[in-house]
Structures are given as C-alpha cells and as structure tokens.
C-alpha cells in the first residue's frame, strides 16, 4: 500500500516504513508531522483517487533530521566576451520517516477504540 501526498508544492509517493525528503518543514527533530493533502491511495482493489484530495485520508510521520542537499553549480558563460559567472546553491530539506497511512475507515475505527478505552 502506498499513497501520493502533496507538500511544498510537489507530489511525493510515500510508503509506511520508508524515508521521504521534502521541502523544509517547521518542527524539531523527533516531532510528529501529518500530511492531510493525500491525492491518491493505492491498495489493490481498494484504491482511491481524490478530486483533488481523498477525504478523511492522512499520512503520519516523524521528522528524522533537517539537512542541506548536495551543492548545485550554476555556471554562465558568453563565448568570446570574457563573461563567466559561477554560483553554488544548497537546498534545505527535511527527512521524514512515514509511520502510518490512514484512510477514513481506519480513522473511524481508531477513534472508536480510543473512546472505548
């Protein structure tokens, strides 16, 4: 089972127990993150496609670390003019460990269990 989640203006495929590198998120290390904008859930014949998002679905994860990506070199040159510019850029990102992918049915059962306890 996997889901497609939207965050930071991009869409990512997530699976339980896997890491995901996304645009920089607020929050400290080991804090919980919930992605509510689930575009699609793929689970065999129980797959759901949102319009634009699947209602009641979410993905939960934990922030593992905040880091910076490898340097990207931007080099500009005009031939025969003596024009050269070299610039580097490192993009910040957050690594998230996905713990659960929940649908609306799973949310209802989890809420019922907490009410009983």
PDB file of N, CA and C in Angstrom:
ATOM      1  N   UNK A   1       0.847  -1.180   0.000  1.00  0.00           N
ATOM      2  CA  UNK A   1       0.000   0.000   0.000  1.00  0.00           C
ATOM      3  C   UNK A   1       0.888   1.237   0.000  1.00  0.00           C
ATOM      4  N   UNK A   2       0.564   2.174  -0.866  1.00  0.00           N
ATOM      5  CA  UNK A   2       1.271   3.443  -0.870  1.00  0.00           C
ATOM      6  C   UNK A   2       0.290   4.562  -1.174  1.00  0.00           C
ATOM      7  N   UNK A   3       0.754   5.784  -0.945  1.00  0.00           N
ATOM      8  CA  UNK A   3      -0.087   6.955  -1.176  1.00  0.00           C
ATOM      9  C   UNK A   3       0.729   8.021  -1.886  1.00  0.00           C
ATOM     10  N   UNK A   4       0.034   8.935  -2.528  1.00  0.00           N
ATOM     11  CA  UNK A   4       0.676  10.089  -3.149  1.00  0.00           C
ATOM     12  C   UNK A   4       0.213  11.315  -2.368  1.00  0.00           C
ATOM     13  N   UNK A   5       1.194  12.053  -1.838  1.00  0.00           N
ATOM     14  CA  UNK A   5       0.939  13.163  -0.929  1.00  0.00           C
ATOM     15  C   UNK A   5       1.467  14.442  -1.545  1.00  0.00           C
ATOM     16  N   UNK A   6       0.769  15.551  -1.296  1.00  0.00           N
ATOM     17  CA  UNK A   6       1.216  16.855  -1.785  1.00  0.00           C
ATOM     18  C   UNK A   6       1.717  17.687  -0.609  1.00  0.00           C
ATOM     19  N   UNK A   7       2.947  18.186  -0.732  1.00  0.00           N
ATOM     20  CA  UNK A   7       3.516  19.089   0.269  1.00  0.00           C
ATOM     21  C   UNK A   7       4.597  19.928  -0.385  1.00  0.00           C
ATOM     22  N   UNK A   8       4.671  21.176   0.000  1.00  0.00           N
ATOM     23  CA  UNK A   8       5.683  22.066  -0.559  1.00  0.00           C
ATOM     24  C   UNK A   8       5.510  22.316  -2.041  1.00  0.00           C
ATOM     25  N   UNK A   9       4.286  22.184  -2.555  1.00  0.00           N
ATOM     26  CA  UNK A   9       4.032  22.418  -3.970  1.00  0.00           C
ATOM     27  C   UNK A   9       4.435  21.264  -4.863  1.00  0.00           C
ATOM     28  N   UNK A  10       4.797  20.127  -4.269  1.00  0.00           N
ATOM     29  CA  UNK A  10       5.209  18.950  -5.042  1.00  0.00           C
ATOM     30  C   UNK A  10       4.437  17.734  -4.560  1.00  0.00           C
ATOM     31  N   UNK A  11       4.418  16.687  -5.387  1.00  0.00           N
ATOM     32  CA  UNK A  11       3.750  15.449  -5.017  1.00  0.00           C
ATOM     33  C   UNK A  11       4.790  14.361  -4.827  1.00  0.00           C
ATOM     34  N   UNK A  12       4.619  13.566  -3.757  1.00  0.00           N
ATOM     35  CA  UNK A  12       5.567  12.512  -3.413  1.00  0.00           C
ATOM     36  C   UNK A  12       4.824  11.203  -3.201  1.00  0.00           C
ATOM     37  N   UNK A  13       5.473  10.097  -3.578  1.00  0.00           N
ATOM     38  CA  UNK A  13       4.932   8.779  -3.305  1.00  0.00           C
ATOM     39  C   UNK A  13       5.490   8.319  -1.965  1.00  0.00           C
ATOM     40  N   UNK A  14       4.614   7.933  -1.029  1.00  0.00           N
ATOM     41  CA  UNK A  14       5.051   7.528   0.304  1.00  0.00           C
ATOM     42  C   UNK A  14       4.577   6.114   0.610  1.00  0.00           C
ATOM     43  N   UNK A  15       5.397   5.394   1.383  1.00  0.00           N
ATOM     44  CA  UNK A  15       5.054   4.067   1.872  1.00  0.00           C
ATOM     45  C   UNK A  15       5.377   4.012   3.351  1.00  0.00           C
ATOM     46  N   UNK A  16       4.672   3.163   4.079  1.00  0.00           N
ATOM     47  CA  UNK A  16       4.941   3.011   5.503  1.00  0.00           C
ATOM     48  C   UNK A  16       6.329   2.412   5.698  1.00  0.00           C
ATOM     49  N   UNK A  17       7.078   2.988   6.648  1.00  0.00           N
ATOM     50  CA  UNK A  17       8.407   2.479   6.955  1.00  0.00           C
ATOM     51  C   UNK A  17       9.510   2.996   6.050  1.00  0.00           C
ATOM     52  N   UNK A  18       9.218   3.937   5.161  1.00  0.00           N
ATOM     53  CA  UNK A  18      10.226   4.488   4.245  1.00  0.00           C
ATOM     54  C   UNK A  18      10.495   5.956   4.575  1.00  0.00           C
ATOM     55  N   UNK A  19      11.655   6.434   4.140  1.00  0.00           N
ATOM     56  CA  UNK A  19      12.036   7.824   4.340  1.00  0.00           C
ATOM     57  C   UNK A  19      11.559   8.665   3.169  1.00  0.00           C
ATOM     58  N   UNK A  20      11.374   9.961   3.442  1.00  0.00           N
ATOM     59  CA  UNK A  20      10.934  10.899   2.417  1.00  0.00           C
ATOM     60  C   UNK A  20      11.638  12.223   2.653  1.00  0.00           C
ATOM     61  N   UNK A  21      12.278  12.764   1.634  1.00  0.00           N
ATOM     62  CA  UNK A  21      12.922  14.071   1.712  1.00  0.00           C
ATOM     63  C   UNK A  21      12.001  15.097   1.072  1.00  0.00           C
ATOM     64  N   UNK A  22      11.547  16.079   1.879  1.00  0.00           N
ATOM     65  CA  UNK A  22      10.613  17.100   1.400  1.00  0.00           C
ATOM     66  C   UNK A  22      11.216  18.477   1.635  1.00  0.00           C
ATOM     67  N   UNK A  23      10.542  19.501   1.103  1.00  0.00           N
ATOM     68  CA  UNK A  23      10.957  20.874   1.361  1.00  0.00           C
ATOM     69  C   UNK A  23      10.995  21.112   2.863  1.00  0.00           C
ATOM     70  N   UNK A  24      11.774  22.080   3.303  1.00  0.00           N
ATOM     71  CA  UNK A  24      11.977  22.340   4.721  1.00  0.00           C
ATOM     72  C   UNK A  24      10.651  22.566   5.453  1.00  0.00           C
ATOM     73  N   UNK A  25      10.446  21.790   6.523  1.00  0.00           N
ATOM     74  CA  UNK A  25       9.235  21.890   7.339  1.00  0.00           C
ATOM     75  C   UNK A  25       9.580  22.477   8.695  1.00  0.00           C
ATOM     76  N   UNK A  26       8.597  23.114   9.323  1.00  0.00           N
ATOM     77  CA  UNK A  26       8.786  23.600  10.681  1.00  0.00           C
ATOM     78  C   UNK A  26       8.645  22.425  11.642  1.00  0.00           C
ATOM     79  N   UNK A  27       9.382  22.472  12.721  1.00  0.00           N
ATOM     80  CA  UNK A  27       9.304  21.409  13.714  1.00  0.00           C
ATOM     81  C   UNK A  27      10.692  20.927  14.077  1.00  0.00           C
ATOM     82  N   UNK A  28      10.795  20.373  15.276  1.00  0.00           N
ATOM     83  CA  UNK A  28      12.076  19.869  15.755  1.00  0.00           C
ATOM     84  C   UNK A  28      12.239  18.404  15.395  1.00  0.00           C
ATOM     85  N   UNK A  29      13.440  17.909  15.609  1.00  0.00           N
ATOM     86  CA  UNK A  29      13.734  16.500  15.379  1.00  0.00           C
ATOM     87  C   UNK A  29      12.862  15.658  16.305  1.00  0.00           C
ATOM     88  N   UNK A  30      12.380  14.527  15.833  1.00  0.00           N
ATOM     89  CA  UNK A  30      11.508  13.583  16.550  1.00  0.00           C
ATOM     90  C   UNK A  30      10.105  14.123  16.806  1.00  0.00           C
ATOM     91  N   UNK A  31       9.709  15.213  16.146  1.00  0.00           N
ATOM     92  CA  UNK A  31       8.340  15.698  16.290  1.00  0.00           C
ATOM     93  C   UNK A  31       7.461  15.072  15.198  1.00  0.00           C
ATOM     94  N   UNK A  32       6.166  15.009  15.460  1.00  0.00           N
ATOM     95  CA  UNK A  32       5.215  14.376  14.546  1.00  0.00           C
ATOM     96  C   UNK A  32       4.797  15.341  13.440  1.00  0.00           C
ATOM     97  N   UNK A  33       4.558  14.780  12.251  1.00  0.00           N
ATOM     98  CA  UNK A  33       4.101  15.547  11.096  1.00  0.00           C
ATOM     99  C   UNK A  33       2.926  14.794  10.485  1.00  0.00           C
ATOM    100  N   UNK A  34       1.878  15.517  10.092  1.00  0.00           N
ATOM    101  CA  UNK A  34       0.721  14.907   9.442  1.00  0.00           C
ATOM    102  C   UNK A  34       0.530  15.564   8.081  1.00  0.00           C
ATOM    103  N   UNK A  35       0.472  14.750   7.044  1.00  0.00           N
ATOM    104  CA  UNK A  35       0.214  15.231   5.692  1.00  0.00           C
ATOM    105  C   UNK A  35      -1.257  14.958   5.382  1.00  0.00           C
ATOM    106  N   UNK A  36      -2.071  16.021   5.291  1.00  0.00           N
ATOM    107  CA  UNK A  36      -3.504  15.882   5.059  1.00  0.00           C
ATOM    108  C   UNK A  36      -3.877  15.900   3.581  1.00  0.00           C
ATOM    109  N   UNK A  37      -3.019  16.430   2.750  1.00  0.00           N
ATOM    110  CA  UNK A  37      -3.330  16.535   1.324  1.00  0.00           C
ATOM    111  C   UNK A  37      -2.905  15.242   0.612  1.00  0.00           C
ATOM    112  N   UNK A  38      -3.752  14.216   0.710  1.00  0.00           N
ATOM    113  CA  UNK A  38      -3.492  12.930   0.072  1.00  0.00           C
ATOM    114  C   UNK A  38      -4.219  12.925  -1.266  1.00  0.00           C
ATOM    115  N   UNK A  39      -3.464  12.824  -2.345  1.00  0.00           N
ATOM    116  CA  UNK A  39      -4.025  12.877  -3.686  1.00  0.00           C
ATOM    117  C   UNK A  39      -4.588  11.520  -4.105  1.00  0.00           C
ATOM    118  N   UNK A  40      -3.895  10.421  -3.684  1.00  0.00           N
ATOM    119  CA  UNK A  40      -4.296   9.087  -4.122  1.00  0.00           C
ATOM    120  C   UNK A  40      -3.807   8.052  -3.128  1.00  0.00           C
ATOM    121  N   UNK A  41      -4.611   7.017  -2.890  1.00  0.00           N
ATOM    122  CA  UNK A  41      -4.194   5.876  -2.078  1.00  0.00           C
ATOM    123  C   UNK A  41      -4.316   4.637  -2.950  1.00  0.00           C
ATOM    124  N   UNK A  42      -3.243   3.855  -3.050  1.00  0.00           N
ATOM    125  CA  UNK A  42      -3.223   2.648  -3.870  1.00  0.00           C
ATOM    126  C   UNK A  42      -3.130   1.446  -2.936  1.00  0.00           C
ATOM    127  N   UNK A  43      -4.196   0.626  -2.949  1.00  0.00           N
ATOM    128  CA  UNK A  43      -4.245  -0.568  -2.109  1.00  0.00           C
ATOM    129  C   UNK A  43      -5.014  -1.656  -2.856  1.00  0.00           C
ATOM    130  N   UNK A  44      -4.481  -2.089  -3.985  1.00  0.00           N
ATOM    131  CA  UNK A  44      -5.144  -3.121  -4.781  1.00  0.00           C
ATOM    132  C   UNK A  44      -6.485  -2.647  -5.310  1.00  0.00           C
ATOM    133  N   UNK A  45      -7.531  -3.416  -5.015  1.00  0.00           N
ATOM    134  CA  UNK A  45      -8.873  -3.055  -5.490  1.00  0.00           C
ATOM    135  C   UNK A  45      -9.513  -1.975  -4.631  1.00  0.00           C
ATOM    136  N   UNK A  46      -8.917  -1.665  -3.472  1.00  0.00           N
ATOM    137  CA  UNK A  46      -9.454  -0.632  -2.585  1.00  0.00           C
ATOM    138  C   UNK A  46      -8.812   0.732  -2.831  1.00  0.00           C
ATOM    139  N   UNK A  47      -8.261   0.946  -4.011  1.00  0.00           N
ATOM    140  CA  UNK A  47      -7.599   2.205  -4.338  1.00  0.00           C
ATOM    141  C   UNK A  47      -8.601   3.350  -4.411  1.00  0.00           C
ATOM    142  N   UNK A  48      -8.137   4.537  -4.016  1.00  0.00           N
ATOM    143  CA  UNK A  48      -8.984   5.730  -4.055  1.00  0.00           C
ATOM    144  C   UNK A  48      -8.219   6.869  -4.713  1.00  0.00           C
ATOM    145  N   UNK A  49      -8.924   7.619  -5.560  1.00  0.00           N
ATOM    146  CA  UNK A  49      -8.355   8.789  -6.206  1.00  0.00           C
ATOM    147  C   UNK A  49      -9.151   9.996  -5.742  1.00  0.00           C
ATOM    148  N   UNK A  50      -8.462  11.017  -5.261  1.00  0.00           N
ATOM    149  CA  UNK A  50      -9.137  12.204  -4.766  1.00  0.00           C
ATOM    150  C   UNK A  50      -9.471  13.183  -5.862  1.00  0.00           C
ATOM    151  N   UNK A  51     -10.425  14.058  -5.563  1.00  0.00           N
ATOM    152  CA  UNK A  51     -10.787  15.101  -6.505  1.00  0.00           C
ATOM    153  C   UNK A  51     -10.915  16.421  -5.768  1.00  0.00           C
ATOM    154  N   UNK A  52      -9.898  17.165  -5.462  1.00  0.00           N
ATOM    155  CA  UNK A  52      -8.491  16.886  -5.723  1.00  0.00           C
ATOM    156  C   UNK A  52      -7.824  16.033  -4.651  1.00  0.00           C
ATOM    157  N   UNK A  53      -8.418  15.934  -3.440  1.00  0.00           N
ATOM    158  CA  UNK A  53      -7.806  15.150  -2.365  1.00  0.00           C
ATOM    159  C   UNK A  53      -8.779  14.090  -1.869  1.00  0.00           C
ATOM    160  N   UNK A  54      -8.221  13.007  -1.311  1.00  0.00           N
ATOM    161  CA  UNK A  54      -9.035  11.949  -0.727  1.00  0.00           C
ATOM    162  C   UNK A  54      -9.543  12.449   0.620  1.00  0.00           C
ATOM    163  N   UNK A  55     -10.861  12.459   0.806  1.00  0.00           N
ATOM    164  CA  UNK A  55     -11.427  12.981   2.052  1.00  0.00           C
ATOM    165  C   UNK A  55     -11.179  12.005   3.189  1.00  0.00           C
ATOM    166  N   UNK A  56     -10.737  12.551   4.311  1.00  0.00           N
ATOM    167  CA  UNK A  56     -10.520  11.738   5.503  1.00  0.00           C
ATOM    168  C   UNK A  56      -9.232  10.958   5.526  1.00  0.00           C
ATOM    169  N   UNK A  57      -8.400  11.081   4.536  1.00  0.00           N
ATOM    170  CA  UNK A  57      -7.138  10.339   4.498  1.00  0.00           C
ATOM    171  C   UNK A  57      -5.989  11.224   4.966  1.00  0.00           C
ATOM    172  N   UNK A  58      -4.988  10.597   5.583  1.00  0.00           N
ATOM    173  CA  UNK A  58      -3.809  11.332   6.026  1.00  0.00           C
ATOM    174  C   UNK A  58      -2.625  10.391   6.139  1.00  0.00           C
ATOM    175  N   UNK A  59      -1.441  10.964   6.162  1.00  0.00           N
ATOM    176  CA  UNK A  59      -0.209  10.213   6.365  1.00  0.00           C
ATOM    177  C   UNK A  59       0.508  10.818   7.557  1.00  0.00           C
ATOM    178  N   UNK A  60       0.958   9.959   8.452  1.00  0.00           N
ATOM    179  CA  UNK A  60       1.655  10.423   9.647  1.00  0.00           C
ATOM    180  C   UNK A  60       3.123  10.039   9.557  1.00  0.00           C
ATOM    181  N   UNK A  61       3.970  10.911  10.088  1.00  0.00           N
ATOM    182  CA  UNK A  61       5.394  10.641  10.066  1.00  0.00           C
ATOM    183  C   UNK A  61       6.110  11.352  11.188  1.00  0.00           C
ATOM    184  N   UNK A  62       7.405  11.088  11.291  1.00  0.00           N
ATOM    185  CA  UNK A  62       8.254  11.686  12.304  1.00  0.00           C
ATOM    186  C   UNK A  62       9.435  12.345  11.617  1.00  0.00           C
ATOM    187  N   UNK A  63       9.792  13.554  12.048  1.00  0.00           N
ATOM    188  CA  UNK A  63      10.939  14.251  11.477  1.00  0.00           C
ATOM    189  C   UNK A  63      12.215  13.581  11.973  1.00  0.00           C
ATOM    190  N   UNK A  64      13.038  13.128  11.041  1.00  0.00           N
ATOM    191  CA  UNK A  64      14.298  12.472  11.382  1.00  0.00           C
ATOM    192  C   UNK A  64      15.412  13.503  11.497  1.00  0.00           C
ATOM    193  N   UNK A  65      15.514  14.405  10.499  1.00  0.00           N
ATOM    194  CA  UNK A  65      16.542  15.446  10.544  1.00  0.00           C
ATOM    195  C   UNK A  65      16.231  16.551   9.550  1.00  0.00           C
ATOM    196  N   UNK A  66      16.872  17.698   9.794  1.00  0.00           N
ATOM    197  CA  UNK A  66      16.879  18.808   8.849  1.00  0.00           C
ATOM    198  C   UNK A  66      18.294  18.865   8.294  1.00  0.00           C
ATOM    199  N   UNK A  67      18.424  19.013   6.981  1.00  0.00           N
ATOM    200  CA  UNK A  67      19.754  18.978   6.374  1.00  0.00           C
ATOM    201  C   UNK A  67      19.757  19.827   5.107  1.00  0.00           C
ATOM    202  N   UNK A  68      20.889  19.830   4.429  1.00  0.00           N
ATOM    203  CA  UNK A  68      21.014  20.542   3.161  1.00  0.00           C
ATOM    204  C   UNK A  68      21.467  19.561   2.094  1.00  0.00           C
ATOM    205  N   UNK A  69      20.921  19.710   0.885  1.00  0.00           N
ATOM    206  CA  UNK A  69      21.232  18.809  -0.220  1.00  0.00           C
ATOM    207  C   UNK A  69      22.623  19.103  -0.772  1.00  0.00           C
ATOM    208  N   UNK A  70      23.066  18.262  -1.705  1.00  0.00           N
ATOM    209  CA  UNK A  70      24.355  18.481  -2.344  1.00  0.00           C
ATOM    210  C   UNK A  70      24.343  19.795  -3.116  1.00  0.00           C
ATOM    211  N   UNK A  71      25.511  20.367  -3.273  1.00  0.00           N
ATOM    212  CA  UNK A  71      25.619  21.649  -3.956  1.00  0.00           C
ATOM    213  C   UNK A  71      25.344  21.501  -5.452  1.00  0.00           C
ATOM    214  N   UNK A  72      24.558  22.428  -5.964  1.00  0.00           N
ATOM    215  CA  UNK A  72      24.277  22.514  -7.392  1.00  0.00           C
ATOM    216  C   UNK A  72      25.048  23.712  -7.919  1.00  0.00           C
ATOM    217  N   UNK A  73      25.860  23.507  -8.946  1.00  0.00           N
ATOM    218  CA  UNK A  73      26.671  24.575  -9.523  1.00  0.00           C
ATOM    219  C   UNK A  73      25.918  25.211 -10.691  1.00  0.00           C
ATOM    220  N   UNK A  74      25.793  26.531 -10.653  1.00  0.00           N
ATOM    221  CA  UNK A  74      25.176  27.289 -11.739  1.00  0.00           C
ATOM    222  C   UNK A  74      26.302  28.061 -12.419  1.00  0.00           C
ATOM    223  N   UNK A  75      26.597  27.727 -13.667  1.00  0.00           N
ATOM    224  CA  UNK A  75      27.709  28.343 -14.387  1.00  0.00           C
ATOM    225  C   UNK A  75      27.180  28.996 -15.655  1.00  0.00           C
ATOM    226  N   UNK A  76      27.501  30.277 -15.827  1.00  0.00           N
ATOM    227  CA  UNK A  76      27.074  31.030 -17.013  1.00  0.00           C
ATOM    228  C   UNK A  76      28.312  31.526 -17.741  1.00  0.00           C
ATOM    229  N   UNK A  77      28.257  31.470 -19.066  1.00  0.00           N
ATOM    230  CA  UNK A  77      29.389  31.947 -19.860  1.00  0.00           C
ATOM    231  C   UNK A  77      28.892  32.418 -21.223  1.00  0.00           C
ATOM    232  N   UNK A  78      29.462  33.534 -21.683  1.00  0.00           N
ATOM    233  CA  UNK A  78      29.197  34.010 -23.034  1.00  0.00           C
ATOM    234  C   UNK A  78      30.487  33.826 -23.830  1.00  0.00           C
ATOM    235  N   UNK A  79      30.416  33.100 -24.929  1.00  0.00           N
ATOM    236  CA  UNK A  79      31.653  32.840 -25.681  1.00  0.00           C
ATOM    237  C   UNK A  79      32.248  34.121 -26.297  1.00  0.00           C
ATOM    238  N   UNK A  80      33.558  34.202 -26.234  1.00  0.00           N
ATOM    239  CA  UNK A  80      34.354  35.284 -26.850  1.00  0.00           C
ATOM    240  C   UNK A  80      34.099  36.658 -26.249  1.00  0.00           C
ATOM    241  N   UNK A  81      33.472  36.719 -25.084  1.00  0.00           N
ATOM    242  CA  UNK A  81      33.174  38.005 -24.455  1.00  0.00           C
ATOM    243  C   UNK A  81      33.847  38.160 -23.097  1.00  0.00           C
ATOM    244  N   UNK A  82      34.432  37.101 -22.568  1.00  0.00           N
ATOM    245  CA  UNK A  82      35.073  37.189 -21.263  1.00  0.00           C
ATOM    246  C   UNK A  82      34.099  37.223 -20.102  1.00  0.00           C
ATOM    247  N   UNK A  83      32.891  36.753 -20.319  1.00  0.00           N
ATOM    248  CA  UNK A  83      31.853  36.768 -19.280  1.00  0.00           C
ATOM    249  C   UNK A  83      31.724  35.371 -18.669  1.00  0.00           C
ATOM    250  N   UNK A  84      32.035  35.242 -17.386  1.00  0.00           N
ATOM    251  CA  UNK A  84      31.897  33.966 -16.673  1.00  0.00           C
ATOM    252  C   UNK A  84      31.359  34.241 -15.277  1.00  0.00           C
ATOM    253  N   UNK A  85      30.370  33.476 -14.879  1.00  0.00           N
ATOM    254  CA  UNK A  85      29.821  33.576 -13.530  1.00  0.00           C
ATOM    255  C   UNK A  85      29.611  32.169 -12.989  1.00  0.00           C
ATOM    256  N   UNK A  86      30.098  31.938 -11.793  1.00  0.00           N
ATOM    257  CA  UNK A  86      29.926  30.632 -11.158  1.00  0.00           C
ATOM    258  C   UNK A  86      29.271  30.849  -9.802  1.00  0.00           C
ATOM    259  N   UNK A  87      28.173  30.138  -9.566  1.00  0.00           N
ATOM    260  CA  UNK A  87      27.430  30.296  -8.326  1.00  0.00           C
ATOM    261  C   UNK A  87      26.970  28.924  -7.857  1.00  0.00           C
ATOM    262  N   UNK A  88      26.994  28.691  -6.546  1.00  0.00           N
ATOM    263  CA  UNK A  88      26.532  27.429  -5.980  1.00  0.00           C
ATOM    264  C   UNK A  88      25.275  27.632  -5.150  1.00  0.00           C
ATOM    265  N   UNK A  89      24.520  26.548  -4.982  1.00  0.00           N
ATOM    266  CA  UNK A  89      23.289  26.616  -4.191  1.00  0.00           C
ATOM    267  C   UNK A  89      23.078  25.279  -3.496  1.00  0.00           C
ATOM    268  N   UNK A  90      22.716  25.323  -2.208  1.00  0.00           N
ATOM    269  CA  UNK A  90      22.367  24.119  -1.458  1.00  0.00           C
ATOM    270  C   UNK A  90      20.953  24.303  -0.906  1.00  0.00           C
ATOM    271  N   UNK A  91      20.063  23.401  -1.299  1.00  0.00           N
ATOM    272  CA  UNK A  91      18.661  23.490  -0.896  1.00  0.00           C
ATOM    273  C   UNK A  91      18.461  22.814   0.461  1.00  0.00           C
ATOM    274  N   UNK A  92      17.722  23.473   1.355  1.00  0.00           N
ATOM    275  CA  UNK A  92      17.378  22.872   2.639  1.00  0.00           C
ATOM    276  C   UNK A  92      16.262  21.846   2.444  1.00  0.00           C
ATOM    277  N   UNK A  93      16.306  20.752   3.232  1.00  0.00           N
ATOM    278  CA  UNK A  93      15.251  19.756   3.183  1.00  0.00           C
ATOM    279  C   UNK A  93      15.048  19.144   4.556  1.00  0.00           C
ATOM    280  N   UNK A  94      13.927  18.455   4.702  1.00  0.00           N
ATOM    281  CA  UNK A  94      13.591  17.739   5.924  1.00  0.00           C
ATOM    282  C   UNK A  94      13.375  16.277   5.568  1.00  0.00           C
ATOM    283  N   UNK A  95      14.017  15.380   6.323  1.00  0.00           N
ATOM    284  CA  UNK A  95      13.822  13.943   6.113  1.00  0.00           C
ATOM    285  C   UNK A  95      12.762  13.462   7.096  1.00  0.00           C
ATOM    286  N   UNK A  96      11.720  12.809   6.547  1.00  0.00           N
ATOM    287  CA  UNK A  96      10.587  12.345   7.343  1.00  0.00           C
ATOM    288  C   UNK A  96      10.473  10.835   7.204  1.00  0.00           C
ATOM    289  N   UNK A  97      10.286  10.142   8.335  1.00  0.00           N
ATOM    290  CA  UNK A  97      10.033   8.698   8.346  1.00  0.00           C
ATOM    291  C   UNK A  97       8.522   8.504   8.418  1.00  0.00           C
ATOM    292  N   UNK A  98       7.941   7.871   7.399  1.00  0.00           N
ATOM    293  CA  UNK A  98       6.491   7.675   7.337  1.00  0.00           C
ATOM    294  C   UNK A  98       6.127   6.492   8.231  1.00  0.00           C
ATOM    295  N   UNK A  99       5.200   6.730   9.177  1.00  0.00           N
ATOM    296  CA  UNK A  99       4.807   5.670  10.105  1.00  0.00           C
ATOM    297  C   UNK A  99       3.459   5.049   9.754  1.00  0.00           C
ATOM    298  N   UNK A 100       2.477   5.863   9.340  1.00  0.00           N
ATOM    299  CA  UNK A 100       1.151   5.326   9.028  1.00  0.00           C
ATOM    300  C   UNK A 100       0.511   6.063   7.866  1.00  0.00           C
ATOM    301  N   UNK A 101      -0.228   5.291   7.071  1.00  0.00           N
ATOM    302  CA  UNK A 101      -1.088   5.867   6.033  1.00  0.00           C
ATOM    303  C   UNK A 101      -2.500   5.488   6.431  1.00  0.00           C
ATOM    304  N   UNK A 102      -3.322   6.483   6.721  1.00  0.00           N
ATOM    305  CA  UNK A 102      -4.673   6.214   7.208  1.00  0.00           C
ATOM    306  C   UNK A 102      -5.719   6.672   6.215  1.00  0.00           C
ATOM    307  N   UNK A 103      -6.766   5.842   6.074  1.00  0.00           N
ATOM    308  CA  UNK A 103      -7.928   6.216   5.282  1.00  0.00           C
ATOM    309  C   UNK A 103      -9.034   6.624   6.242  1.00  0.00           C
ATOM    310  N   UNK A 104     -10.154   7.046   5.715  1.00  0.00           N
ATOM    311  CA  UNK A 104     -11.260   7.490   6.574  1.00  0.00           C
ATOM    312  C   UNK A 104     -11.800   6.333   7.413  1.00  0.00           C
ATOM    313  N   UNK A 105     -11.847   5.111   6.861  1.00  0.00           N
ATOM    314  CA  UNK A 105     -12.347   3.953   7.603  1.00  0.00           C
ATOM    315  C   UNK A 105     -11.414   3.614   8.768  1.00  0.00           C
ATOM    316  N   UNK A 106     -10.109   3.708   8.546  1.00  0.00           N
ATOM    317  CA  UNK A 106      -9.148   3.420   9.613  1.00  0.00           C
ATOM    318  C   UNK A 106      -9.214   4.489  10.695  1.00  0.00           C
ATOM    319  N   UNK A 107      -9.462   5.743  10.310  1.00  0.00           N
ATOM    320  CA  UNK A 107      -9.576   6.815  11.304  1.00  0.00           C
ATOM    321  C   UNK A 107     -10.777   6.579  12.218  1.00  0.00           C
ATOM    322  N   UNK A 108     -11.918   6.162  11.628  1.00  0.00           N
ATOM    323  CA  UNK A 108     -13.119   5.926  12.421  1.00  0.00           C
ATOM    324  C   UNK A 108     -12.911   4.792  13.419  1.00  0.00           C
ATOM    325  N   UNK A 109     -12.239   3.709  12.986  1.00  0.00           N
ATOM    326  CA  UNK A 109     -12.004   2.590  13.892  1.00  0.00           C
ATOM    327  C   UNK A 109     -11.037   2.978  15.003  1.00  0.00           C
ATOM    328  N   UNK A 110     -10.039   3.799  14.695  1.00  0.00           N
ATOM    329  CA  UNK A 110      -9.079   4.255  15.714  1.00  0.00           C
ATOM    330  C   UNK A 110      -9.773   5.153  16.737  1.00  0.00           C
ATOM    331  N   UNK A 111     -10.686   6.012  16.282  1.00  0.00           N
ATOM    332  CA  UNK A 111     -11.425   6.878  17.190  1.00  0.00           C
ATOM    333  C   UNK A 111     -12.345   6.064  18.090  1.00  0.00           C
ATOM    334  N   UNK A 112     -12.962   5.006  17.544  1.00  0.00           N
ATOM    335  CA  UNK A 112     -13.851   4.159  18.338  1.00  0.00           C
ATOM    336  C   UNK A 112     -13.059   3.422  19.420  1.00  0.00           C
ATOM    337  N   UNK A 113     -11.854   2.982  19.103  1.00  0.00           N
ATOM    338  CA  UNK A 113     -11.015   2.296  20.085  1.00  0.00           C
ATOM    339  C   UNK A 113     -10.604   3.219  21.220  1.00  0.00           C
ATOM    340  N   UNK A 114     -10.291   4.468  20.895  1.00  0.00           N
ATOM    341  CA  UNK A 114      -9.891   5.414  21.944  1.00  0.00           C
ATOM    342  C   UNK A 114     -11.070   5.784  22.831  1.00  0.00           C
ATOM    343  N   UNK A 115     -12.286   5.833  22.276  1.00  0.00           N
ATOM    344  CA  UNK A 115     -13.464   6.129  23.075  1.00  0.00           C
ATOM    345  C   UNK A 115     -13.773   4.994  24.058  1.00  0.00           C
ATOM    346  N   UNK A 116     -13.548   3.746  23.632  1.00  0.00           N
ATOM    347  CA  UNK A 116     -13.791   2.601  24.499  1.00  0.00           C
ATOM    348  C   UNK A 116     -12.816   2.553  25.653  1.00  0.00           C
ATOM    349  N   UNK A 117     -11.611   2.978  25.427  1.00  0.00           N
ATOM    350  CA  UNK A 117     -10.568   2.913  26.470  1.00  0.00           C
ATOM    351  C   UNK A 117     -10.679   4.035  27.450  1.00  0.00           C
TER     352      UNK A 117
END
